[in-house]
Amino acid sequence: MLPSNCVNTAGTGGFEPLTYQGTPLQAMALLQATLKSFPEATVLHSDALTMQVIFTTPVGFRDQVDFRINPQDQRIDFRSRSLFGLFDWGKNRSRMQAFTMRFEQQARIK
């Protein structure tokens, strides 16, 4: 069972993977475009198929989101978790719901 401060697209995480059309490069561009709408996000690492991002809340709590592009299935899996404590008052869930909506909007624009 996942702690209450973690959401993901694997198993019991409660989220469907993000889907995209095109190449992994286009998927990465969609992730980057979506992240621009989150000023609290800082990309720590990025390569052709993965991205690691830190979101910092206004009071200084840090949450880590790992994205992994699956080119065969044209999907992006993610895991979002708090780096402090075992409970985050639903922040990771609400942030990833908003991220999913904004990602889908970006995908429709492209």
C-alpha atoms as a PDB file:
ATOM      1  CA  MET A   1       0.000   0.000   0.000  1.00  0.00           C
ATOM      2  CA  LEU A   2       1.231   3.463  -0.895  1.00  0.00           C
ATOM      3  CA  PRO A   3       1.627   6.101   1.792  1.00  0.00           C
ATOM      4  CA  SER A   4      -0.966   8.867   1.613  1.00  0.00           C
ATOM      5  CA  ASN A   5       1.673  11.272   0.298  1.00  0.00           C
ATOM      6  CA  CYS A   6       2.265   9.334  -2.939  1.00  0.00           C
ATOM      7  CA  VAL A   7       0.261   8.995  -6.162  1.00  0.00           C
ATOM      8  CA  ASN A   8       1.241   7.217  -9.355  1.00  0.00           C
ATOM      9  CA  THR A   9       0.066   5.503 -12.508  1.00  0.00           C
ATOM     10  CA  ALA A  10       1.132   2.021 -11.404  1.00  0.00           C
ATOM     11  CA  GLY A  11      -1.316  -0.382  -9.819  1.00  0.00           C
ATOM     12  CA  THR A  12      -3.187   1.210  -6.938  1.00  0.00           C
ATOM     13  CA  GLY A  13      -1.923   4.745  -7.557  1.00  0.00           C
ATOM     14  CA  GLY A  14      -5.327   5.900  -8.767  1.00  0.00           C
ATOM     15  CA  PHE A  15      -4.164   7.622 -11.961  1.00  0.00           C
ATOM     16  CA  GLU A  16      -4.155   6.610 -15.604  1.00  0.00           C
ATOM     17  CA  PRO A  17      -0.922   7.202 -17.527  1.00  0.00           C
ATOM     18  CA  LEU A  18      -0.691  10.337 -19.643  1.00  0.00           C
ATOM     19  CA  THR A  19      -1.044   9.552 -23.346  1.00  0.00           C
ATOM     20  CA  TYR A  20       0.488  11.275 -26.331  1.00  0.00           C
ATOM     21  CA  GLN A  21       0.675  11.029 -30.108  1.00  0.00           C
ATOM     22  CA  GLY A  22       4.000  11.091 -31.912  1.00  0.00           C
ATOM     23  CA  THR A  23       7.566  10.576 -30.789  1.00  0.00           C
ATOM     24  CA  PRO A  24       9.162  10.532 -27.323  1.00  0.00           C
ATOM     25  CA  LEU A  25      10.703  13.904 -28.223  1.00  0.00           C
ATOM     26  CA  GLN A  26       7.187  15.298 -28.754  1.00  0.00           C
ATOM     27  CA  ALA A  27       6.070  13.737 -25.449  1.00  0.00           C
ATOM     28  CA  MET A  28       8.969  15.435 -23.654  1.00  0.00           C
ATOM     29  CA  ALA A  29       8.023  18.743 -25.269  1.00  0.00           C
ATOM     30  CA  LEU A  30       4.458  18.316 -23.972  1.00  0.00           C
ATOM     31  CA  LEU A  31       5.759  17.638 -20.459  1.00  0.00           C
ATOM     32  CA  GLN A  32       7.977  20.736 -20.619  1.00  0.00           C
ATOM     33  CA  ALA A  33       5.151  22.918 -21.955  1.00  0.00           C
ATOM     34  CA  THR A  34       2.861  21.713 -19.178  1.00  0.00           C
ATOM     35  CA  LEU A  35       5.495  22.328 -16.509  1.00  0.00           C
ATOM     36  CA  LYS A  36       5.763  25.965 -17.617  1.00  0.00           C
ATOM     37  CA  SER A  37       2.307  26.506 -16.110  1.00  0.00           C
ATOM     38  CA  PHE A  38       3.670  25.428 -12.694  1.00  0.00           C
ATOM     39  CA  PRO A  39       6.064  28.154 -11.479  1.00  0.00           C
ATOM     40  CA  GLU A  40       6.856  26.060  -8.390  1.00  0.00           C
ATOM     41  CA  ALA A  41       8.407  23.301 -10.564  1.00  0.00           C
ATOM     42  CA  THR A  42      12.141  22.791 -11.046  1.00  0.00           C
ATOM     43  CA  VAL A  43      13.494  20.127 -13.390  1.00  0.00           C
ATOM     44  CA  LEU A  44      16.331  18.262 -11.670  1.00  0.00           C
ATOM     45  CA  HIS A  45      17.102  15.773 -14.405  1.00  0.00           C
ATOM     46  CA  SER A  46      15.897  15.059 -17.896  1.00  0.00           C
ATOM     47  CA  ASP A  47      16.951  12.669 -20.632  1.00  0.00           C
ATOM     48  CA  ALA A  48      15.260  11.181 -23.697  1.00  0.00           C
ATOM     49  CA  LEU A  49      12.710   9.102 -21.738  1.00  0.00           C
ATOM     50  CA  THR A  50      12.681  10.362 -18.144  1.00  0.00           C
ATOM     51  CA  MET A  51      12.288  13.572 -16.201  1.00  0.00           C
ATOM     52  CA  GLN A  52      12.635  14.251 -12.476  1.00  0.00           C
ATOM     53  CA  VAL A  53      10.930  17.377 -11.146  1.00  0.00           C
ATOM     54  CA  ILE A  54      10.729  19.016  -7.711  1.00  0.00           C
ATOM     55  CA  PHE A  55       7.646  21.051  -6.815  1.00  0.00           C
ATOM     56  CA  THR A  56       8.123  23.403  -3.853  1.00  0.00           C
ATOM     57  CA  THR A  57       5.029  24.530  -1.961  1.00  0.00           C
ATOM     58  CA  PRO A  58       4.706  28.138  -0.705  1.00  0.00           C
ATOM     59  CA  VAL A  59       5.674  27.010   2.815  1.00  0.00           C
ATOM     60  CA  GLY A  60       8.744  25.156   1.537  1.00  0.00           C
ATOM     61  CA  PHE A  61       7.660  21.517   1.391  1.00  0.00           C
ATOM     62  CA  ARG A  62       9.189  19.658  -1.529  1.00  0.00           C
ATOM     63  CA  ASP A  63       7.492  16.986  -3.630  1.00  0.00           C
ATOM     64  CA  GLN A  64       9.250  14.891  -6.251  1.00  0.00           C
ATOM     65  CA  VAL A  65       7.613  13.768  -9.489  1.00  0.00           C
ATOM     66  CA  ASP A  66       9.277  11.207 -11.739  1.00  0.00           C
ATOM     67  CA  PHE A  67       8.006  10.879 -15.314  1.00  0.00           C
ATOM     68  CA  ARG A  68       8.854   7.923 -17.568  1.00  0.00           C
ATOM     69  CA  ILE A  69       7.953   7.894 -21.264  1.00  0.00           C
ATOM     70  CA  ASN A  70       6.970   4.524 -22.728  1.00  0.00           C
ATOM     71  CA  PRO A  71       7.412   4.925 -26.509  1.00  0.00           C
ATOM     72  CA  GLN A  72       5.910   1.528 -27.402  1.00  0.00           C
ATOM     73  CA  ASP A  73       2.573   2.326 -25.741  1.00  0.00           C
ATOM     74  CA  GLN A  74       2.752   6.124 -26.266  1.00  0.00           C
ATOM     75  CA  ARG A  75       2.163   6.747 -22.583  1.00  0.00           C
ATOM     76  CA  ILE A  76       3.869   8.555 -19.743  1.00  0.00           C
ATOM     77  CA  ASP A  77       3.851   7.030 -16.287  1.00  0.00           C
ATOM     78  CA  PHE A  78       4.512   9.135 -13.226  1.00  0.00           C
ATOM     79  CA  ARG A  79       5.082   8.888  -9.505  1.00  0.00           C
ATOM     80  CA  SER A  80       4.583  11.887  -7.258  1.00  0.00           C
ATOM     81  CA  ARG A  81       5.587  11.833  -3.611  1.00  0.00           C
ATOM     82  CA  SER A  82       6.278  14.145  -0.738  1.00  0.00           C
ATOM     83  CA  LEU A  83       9.883  14.356   0.377  1.00  0.00           C
ATOM     84  CA  PHE A  84       8.791  15.234   3.910  1.00  0.00           C
ATOM     85  CA  GLY A  85       6.541  13.200   6.173  1.00  0.00           C
ATOM     86  CA  LEU A  86       3.923  10.572   5.438  1.00  0.00           C
ATOM     87  CA  PHE A  87       0.902  12.801   4.853  1.00  0.00           C
ATOM     88  CA  ASP A  88       0.559  15.726   2.468  1.00  0.00           C
ATOM     89  CA  TRP A  89      -3.112  16.751   2.899  1.00  0.00           C
ATOM     90  CA  GLY A  90      -3.830  15.567  -0.637  1.00  0.00           C
ATOM     91  CA  LYS A  91      -1.424  17.991  -2.328  1.00  0.00           C
ATOM     92  CA  ASN A  92       0.245  15.414  -4.609  1.00  0.00           C
ATOM     93  CA  ARG A  93      -3.133  14.080  -5.723  1.00  0.00           C
ATOM     94  CA  SER A  94      -4.581  17.519  -6.469  1.00  0.00           C
ATOM     95  CA  ARG A  95      -1.396  18.682  -8.215  1.00  0.00           C
ATOM     96  CA  MET A  96      -1.257  15.618 -10.461  1.00  0.00           C
ATOM     97  CA  GLN A  97      -4.966  15.976 -11.266  1.00  0.00           C
ATOM     98  CA  ALA A  98      -4.262  19.560 -12.360  1.00  0.00           C
ATOM     99  CA  PHE A  99      -1.119  18.456 -14.213  1.00  0.00           C
ATOM    100  CA  THR A 100      -3.080  15.776 -16.093  1.00  0.00           C
ATOM    101  CA  MET A 101      -5.736  18.284 -17.145  1.00  0.00           C
ATOM    102  CA  ARG A 102      -3.132  20.815 -18.321  1.00  0.00           C
ATOM    103  CA  PHE A 103      -1.147  18.117 -20.146  1.00  0.00           C
ATOM    104  CA  GLU A 104      -4.287  17.033 -22.013  1.00  0.00           C
ATOM    105  CA  GLN A 105      -4.981  20.663 -22.936  1.00  0.00           C
ATOM    106  CA  GLN A 106      -1.411  21.026 -24.271  1.00  0.00           C
ATOM    107  CA  ALA A 107      -1.807  17.805 -26.274  1.00  0.00           C
ATOM    108  CA  ARG A 108      -4.947  19.203 -27.944  1.00  0.00           C
ATOM    109  CA  ILE A 109      -3.150  22.454 -28.856  1.00  0.00           C
ATOM    110  CA  LYS A 110      -0.159  20.727 -30.501  1.00  0.00           C
END
